[in-house]
Amino acid sequence: MNFSTPKKLNVWRTLKAMTNETPAVSSFRDRLREIDQPHQIALVLLAHVLGKPKTWLLAHPETHLTKAQANQMESLLCRLEAGEPLPYLLGKQEFFGLEFEVNPSVLIPRPETEFMVETALSWLAVQSGARKGVDVGTGSGCIAVSLVSNCPDLQMLATDISQEALDVAARNAQKHNTSDRILFERVDLLPDTIGKTDLICANLPYIPTAKLPDVNSLPWEPSLALDGGEHGLELIERLLARSVSILNTPGLILLETEETLGAQTVQLARRYFPAAEITLYQDLSKRDRLVSIEML
């Protein structure tokens, strides 16, 4: 998912219409001629600065920014020009119909990851006795919180090696009233004392190290959440090896994977779970994205 900022943003007329003529506005106007990005981003930023919905802004074109708001807009535009992803500027990102806090200590939730949540919820709807799950490498907590929000009797363990990420995830759980059903634990993949579980979801780092320079958000997102090692499957294989002894039958493991590593991820799954039903799913862009390992 591309969160970088292209190089031309022609929104200075919008800014002029919504602000007083101040030196700050003149600097906006002169600089924005050099950037290329849809008008929508300017509207999103202005709505954020003013604390109003975009629809309100469109209905009130006479609105003026205060000096403090103009300075805030200036700061956001500088960060936007530098390439910082929009969700970090706003401090939030929508995922599965919920709003999640995000900052540079967590990966920005991608729309394609929603398919993992959909797949897990469909399985849980059939397996009424399966109500214990693990979200490995939880990051912002978007997977665990989305699952528990939509399956109220589900109990989740959410793990991450980053305490900063766990702090964000815990705040997101509190925001969506799911803290009582999610246990957060700082650990490398899985705790040694973990018992049997029905569901394992993992959106682990899966980008091969050599491909990291091609990730447009790399300067901003945590490399810890992106770097999957030399072949991109190091953490996924370690998780599969650990999961053999803890997955119940019936049980389900869902792994997001890099688009060129789908077949290799399936091979690893078959090595560790030869009796499982293994399915490789593609995302809406027809790229290999999700591997399902189901013990029947």
Protein backbone atom coordinates (compact mmCIF):
# COMPACT_ATOMS: atom_id res chain seq x y z
CA MET A 1 0.00 0.00 0.00
CA ASN A 2 1.49 3.35 -1.04
CA PHE A 3 1.48 5.97 1.71
CA SER A 4 4.21 8.14 0.21
CA THR A 5 3.59 11.61 -1.13
CA PRO A 6 3.91 12.32 -4.86
CA LYS A 7 5.50 15.56 -5.87
CA LYS A 8 2.83 18.05 -6.90
CA LEU A 9 -0.12 19.36 -4.88
CA ASN A 10 -2.20 22.08 -6.52
CA VAL A 11 -4.32 23.19 -3.56
CA TRP A 12 -3.20 26.75 -2.95
CA ARG A 13 -6.52 28.21 -4.12
CA THR A 14 -8.30 26.14 -1.48
CA LEU A 15 -5.91 27.36 1.19
CA LYS A 16 -6.31 30.97 0.05
CA ALA A 17 -10.12 30.67 0.17
CA MET A 18 -10.06 29.29 3.70
CA THR A 19 -7.39 31.49 5.30
CA ASN A 20 -6.63 35.13 5.88
CA GLU A 21 -3.94 36.61 3.69
CA THR A 22 -0.93 36.26 5.98
CA PRO A 23 2.74 35.59 5.23
CA ALA A 24 2.11 31.96 6.19
CA VAL A 25 -0.59 31.68 3.54
CA SER A 26 1.67 33.19 0.91
CA SER A 27 4.33 30.62 1.75
CA PHE A 28 1.74 27.84 1.44
CA ARG A 29 0.67 29.09 -1.95
CA ASP A 30 4.14 29.52 -3.37
CA ARG A 31 5.40 26.16 -2.15
CA LEU A 32 2.37 24.06 -3.03
CA ARG A 33 2.76 24.90 -6.69
CA GLU A 34 5.75 22.55 -6.59
CA ILE A 35 3.91 19.51 -5.20
CA ASP A 36 1.60 17.10 -6.97
CA GLN A 37 -1.13 15.39 -4.89
CA PRO A 38 -4.92 15.27 -5.13
CA HIS A 39 -6.96 18.13 -3.69
CA GLN A 40 -8.45 15.60 -1.27
CA ILE A 41 -5.31 15.53 0.86
CA ALA A 42 -5.46 19.28 1.43
CA LEU A 43 -9.08 18.89 2.52
CA VAL A 44 -8.15 16.08 4.93
CA LEU A 45 -5.37 18.17 6.47
CA LEU A 46 -7.55 21.25 6.79
CA ALA A 47 -10.29 19.17 8.42
CA HIS A 48 -7.72 17.78 10.84
CA VAL A 49 -6.38 21.23 11.74
CA LEU A 50 -9.85 22.69 12.22
CA GLY A 51 -11.24 19.64 14.00
CA LYS A 52 -14.21 19.51 11.66
CA PRO A 53 -15.55 16.88 9.22
CA LYS A 54 -14.67 17.35 5.57
CA THR A 55 -18.36 17.80 4.78
CA TRP A 56 -18.50 20.73 7.21
CA LEU A 57 -15.53 22.37 5.50
CA LEU A 58 -17.10 22.03 2.08
CA ALA A 59 -20.26 23.65 3.42
CA HIS A 60 -18.32 26.54 5.01
CA PRO A 61 -15.85 27.84 2.42
CA GLU A 62 -15.73 31.20 4.20
CA THR A 63 -13.92 29.64 7.19
CA HIS A 64 -10.61 31.26 8.13
CA LEU A 65 -7.65 29.67 9.88
CA THR A 66 -6.32 31.31 13.01
CA LYS A 67 -2.61 32.06 13.21
CA ALA A 68 -2.07 28.96 15.37
CA GLN A 69 -3.99 26.80 12.89
CA ALA A 70 -2.03 28.29 9.99
CA ASN A 71 1.21 27.42 11.78
CA GLN A 72 -0.03 23.87 12.38
CA MET A 73 -0.91 23.56 8.70
CA GLU A 74 2.55 24.80 7.79
CA SER A 75 4.13 22.12 9.97
CA LEU A 76 1.97 19.37 8.47
CA LEU A 77 2.75 20.49 4.93
CA CYS A 78 6.47 20.45 5.64
CA ARG A 79 6.18 16.88 6.88
CA LEU A 80 4.02 15.96 3.88
CA GLU A 81 6.60 17.41 1.48
CA ALA A 82 9.31 15.38 3.20
CA GLY A 83 7.35 12.22 2.35
CA GLU A 84 5.89 11.34 5.74
CA PRO A 85 2.77 9.16 5.32
CA LEU A 86 -0.55 10.91 5.82
CA PRO A 87 -1.75 8.57 8.63
CA TYR A 88 1.24 9.62 10.75
CA LEU A 89 0.40 13.29 10.15
CA LEU A 90 -3.16 12.65 11.31
CA GLY A 91 -2.18 10.18 14.04
CA LYS A 92 -4.86 7.75 12.95
CA GLN A 93 -5.87 5.22 10.31
CA GLU A 94 -9.14 3.46 9.62
CA PHE A 95 -9.12 -0.34 9.55
CA PHE A 96 -12.11 -2.69 9.33
CA GLY A 97 -14.49 0.18 10.03
CA LEU A 98 -12.66 1.27 13.19
CA GLU A 99 -10.30 4.18 13.79
CA PHE A 100 -6.87 3.27 15.17
CA GLU A 101 -4.18 5.43 16.68
CA VAL A 102 -0.92 5.15 14.74
CA ASN A 103 2.52 6.65 15.13
CA PRO A 104 5.99 5.79 13.81
CA SER A 105 6.39 2.99 16.39
CA VAL A 106 3.77 0.88 14.56
CA LEU A 107 3.13 -0.17 10.99
CA ILE A 108 0.26 1.66 9.32
CA PRO A 109 -2.66 -0.80 8.93
CA ARG A 110 -3.21 -1.70 5.26
CA PRO A 111 -6.58 -2.39 3.67
CA GLU A 112 -5.35 -5.74 2.32
CA THR A 113 -4.89 -6.99 5.89
CA GLU A 114 -8.64 -6.67 6.44
CA PHE A 115 -9.01 -9.91 4.47
CA MET A 116 -7.24 -11.75 7.29
CA VAL A 117 -9.81 -10.43 9.75
CA GLU A 118 -12.68 -11.35 7.43
CA THR A 119 -11.31 -14.89 6.99
CA ALA A 120 -10.82 -15.37 10.72
CA LEU A 121 -14.34 -14.13 11.53
CA SER A 122 -15.89 -16.44 8.92
CA TRP A 123 -14.07 -19.40 10.48
CA LEU A 124 -15.04 -18.37 14.01
CA ALA A 125 -18.68 -18.14 12.96
CA VAL A 126 -18.58 -21.82 12.00
CA GLN A 127 -16.37 -23.00 14.84
CA SER A 128 -18.49 -21.90 17.78
CA GLY A 129 -16.23 -23.68 20.27
CA ALA A 130 -13.08 -21.93 19.08
CA ARG A 131 -12.77 -18.81 21.18
CA LYS A 132 -9.09 -18.54 22.05
CA GLY A 133 -6.74 -16.75 19.67
CA VAL A 134 -3.31 -15.14 19.31
CA ASP A 135 -2.32 -12.09 17.28
CA VAL A 136 1.43 -12.42 16.77
CA GLY A 137 3.26 -9.16 16.08
CA THR A 138 0.21 -7.10 16.92
CA GLY A 139 1.65 -3.64 16.15
CA SER A 140 -1.23 -1.15 16.45
CA GLY A 141 -3.49 -3.97 17.62
CA CYS A 142 -5.75 -3.54 14.61
CA ILE A 143 -6.20 -7.29 13.99
CA ALA A 144 -6.85 -8.30 17.60
CA VAL A 145 -9.15 -5.35 18.32
CA SER A 146 -11.11 -5.85 15.09
CA LEU A 147 -11.58 -9.56 15.81
CA VAL A 148 -12.72 -9.07 19.39
CA SER A 149 -14.98 -6.16 18.43
CA ASN A 150 -16.79 -8.44 15.99
CA CYS A 151 -16.68 -11.64 18.05
CA PRO A 152 -17.52 -10.56 21.61
CA ASP A 153 -16.79 -13.92 23.30
CA LEU A 154 -13.33 -14.25 21.71
CA GLN A 155 -10.32 -14.02 24.02
CA MET A 156 -7.05 -12.88 22.40
CA LEU A 157 -3.39 -12.81 23.34
CA ALA A 158 -1.62 -10.03 21.42
CA THR A 159 2.18 -10.17 21.33
CA ASP A 160 4.90 -7.88 20.06
CA ILE A 161 8.61 -7.49 20.64
CA SER A 162 8.22 -3.69 20.81
CA GLN A 163 6.93 -2.16 24.03
CA GLU A 164 6.17 1.08 22.16
CA ALA A 165 3.93 -0.85 19.78
CA LEU A 166 2.18 -2.62 22.65
CA ASP A 167 1.48 0.73 24.30
CA VAL A 168 -0.25 1.93 21.11
CA ALA A 169 -2.18 -1.35 20.83
CA ALA A 170 -3.32 -1.14 24.44
CA ARG A 171 -4.64 2.38 23.89
CA ASN A 172 -6.51 1.21 20.80
CA ALA A 173 -8.04 -1.65 22.76
CA GLN A 174 -9.14 0.76 25.47
CA LYS A 175 -10.59 3.13 22.88
CA HIS A 176 -12.74 0.35 21.44
CA ASN A 177 -13.69 -1.19 24.80
CA THR A 178 -11.91 -4.49 24.20
CA SER A 179 -9.20 -4.31 26.89
CA ASP A 180 -10.94 -6.93 29.02
CA ARG A 181 -10.70 -9.52 26.24
CA ILE A 182 -7.16 -8.89 24.98
CA LEU A 183 -4.00 -9.71 26.94
CA PHE A 184 -0.93 -7.87 25.70
CA GLU A 185 2.50 -9.40 26.20
CA ARG A 186 5.95 -8.27 25.16
CA VAL A 187 7.67 -11.33 23.73
CA ASP A 188 9.48 -12.59 20.64
CA LEU A 189 6.61 -14.23 18.72
CA LEU A 190 5.06 -16.46 21.43
CA PRO A 191 5.57 -16.82 25.19
CA ASP A 192 7.17 -20.02 26.44
CA THR A 193 4.21 -20.65 28.73
CA ILE A 194 1.50 -20.39 26.07
CA GLY A 195 -1.06 -23.17 26.11
CA LYS A 196 -3.25 -24.53 23.37
CA THR A 197 -5.02 -22.07 21.09
CA ASP A 198 -7.63 -22.23 18.35
CA LEU A 199 -6.62 -19.31 16.13
CA ILE A 200 -3.26 -17.77 15.25
CA CYS A 201 -3.14 -14.59 13.17
CA ALA A 202 0.21 -13.16 12.13
CA ASN A 203 1.09 -10.18 9.99
CA LEU A 204 4.81 -10.52 10.64
CA PRO A 205 7.67 -8.75 8.87
CA TYR A 206 7.92 -10.53 5.52
CA ILE A 207 9.84 -8.22 3.18
CA PRO A 208 13.22 -9.68 2.17
CA THR A 209 15.99 -7.43 3.44
CA ALA A 210 17.23 -6.69 -0.09
CA LYS A 211 13.77 -5.35 -1.03
CA LEU A 212 13.50 -2.92 1.86
CA PRO A 213 14.85 0.05 -0.16
CA ASP A 214 11.84 -0.36 -2.47
CA VAL A 215 9.39 0.26 0.39
CA ASN A 216 8.36 3.87 -0.04
CA SER A 217 7.41 4.32 3.64
CA LEU A 218 10.67 2.83 4.97
CA PRO A 219 12.09 6.12 6.32
CA TRP A 220 8.99 6.53 8.48
CA GLU A 221 7.66 3.10 9.45
CA PRO A 222 9.58 0.89 11.89
CA SER A 223 12.00 -1.42 10.04
CA LEU A 224 11.39 -3.93 12.82
CA ALA A 225 7.86 -4.35 11.42
CA LEU A 226 9.02 -4.74 7.81
CA ASP A 227 12.31 -6.67 7.63
CA GLY A 228 11.62 -10.37 7.21
CA GLY A 229 15.27 -11.35 6.98
CA GLU A 230 17.32 -12.46 4.01
CA HIS A 231 14.54 -14.52 2.41
CA GLY A 232 11.54 -12.80 3.98
CA LEU A 233 10.34 -15.95 5.74
CA GLU A 234 12.56 -16.16 8.80
CA LEU A 235 9.93 -15.10 11.34
CA ILE A 236 7.13 -16.96 9.59
CA GLU A 237 9.09 -20.22 9.72
CA ARG A 238 9.95 -19.74 13.39
CA LEU A 239 6.28 -19.14 14.16
CA LEU A 240 5.18 -22.24 12.24
CA ALA A 241 7.70 -24.37 14.11
CA ARG A 242 6.34 -23.11 17.45
CA SER A 243 2.71 -23.41 16.39
CA VAL A 244 2.81 -27.18 15.77
CA SER A 245 2.56 -27.95 19.47
CA ILE A 246 -0.04 -25.33 20.42
CA LEU A 247 -2.66 -25.33 17.65
CA ASN A 248 -5.87 -27.13 18.51
CA THR A 249 -7.87 -29.31 16.13
CA PRO A 250 -9.95 -27.76 14.73
CA GLY A 251 -7.59 -24.85 14.46
CA LEU A 252 -6.59 -22.10 12.04
CA ILE A 253 -3.40 -20.18 11.28
CA LEU A 254 -3.54 -17.12 9.03
CA LEU A 255 -0.30 -15.67 7.69
CA GLU A 256 0.07 -12.55 5.59
CA THR A 257 2.98 -12.92 3.17
CA GLU A 258 4.92 -10.97 0.57
CA GLU A 259 3.48 -11.08 -2.94
CA THR A 260 6.40 -13.07 -4.40
CA LEU A 261 6.60 -15.50 -1.48
CA GLY A 262 3.16 -17.09 -1.58
CA ALA A 263 4.30 -20.45 -2.97
CA GLN A 264 7.26 -20.63 -0.58
CA THR A 265 5.04 -19.81 2.39
CA VAL A 266 2.71 -22.64 1.35
CA GLN A 267 5.69 -25.03 1.14
CA LEU A 268 6.73 -24.09 4.68
CA ALA A 269 3.17 -24.60 5.89
CA ARG A 270 3.06 -28.08 4.36
CA ARG A 271 6.37 -28.97 5.97
CA TYR A 272 5.13 -28.17 9.47
CA PHE A 273 1.45 -29.05 8.99
CA PRO A 274 1.35 -31.90 6.45
CA ALA A 275 -2.17 -32.94 7.48
CA ALA A 276 -3.66 -29.45 7.26
CA GLU A 277 -5.82 -27.95 4.55
CA ILE A 278 -3.66 -25.13 3.17
CA THR A 279 -4.98 -22.34 0.96
CA LEU A 280 -3.21 -19.43 -0.71
CA TYR A 281 -5.38 -16.36 -1.23
CA GLN A 282 -4.75 -13.32 -3.41
CA ASP A 283 -5.65 -9.74 -2.56
CA LEU A 284 -7.80 -7.47 -4.72
CA SER A 285 -4.75 -6.63 -6.84
CA LYS A 286 -4.34 -10.35 -7.67
CA ARG A 287 -1.16 -10.62 -5.61
CA ASP A 288 -0.47 -13.57 -3.30
CA ARG A 289 -1.24 -12.24 0.16
CA LEU A 290 -2.70 -14.67 2.71
CA VAL A 291 -1.95 -18.29 3.60
CA SER A 292 -4.56 -20.24 5.55
CA ILE A 293 -3.55 -23.39 7.46
CA GLU A 294 -6.58 -25.22 8.81
CA MET A 295 -6.48 -28.31 10.99
CA LEU A 296 -9.77 -30.17 10.58
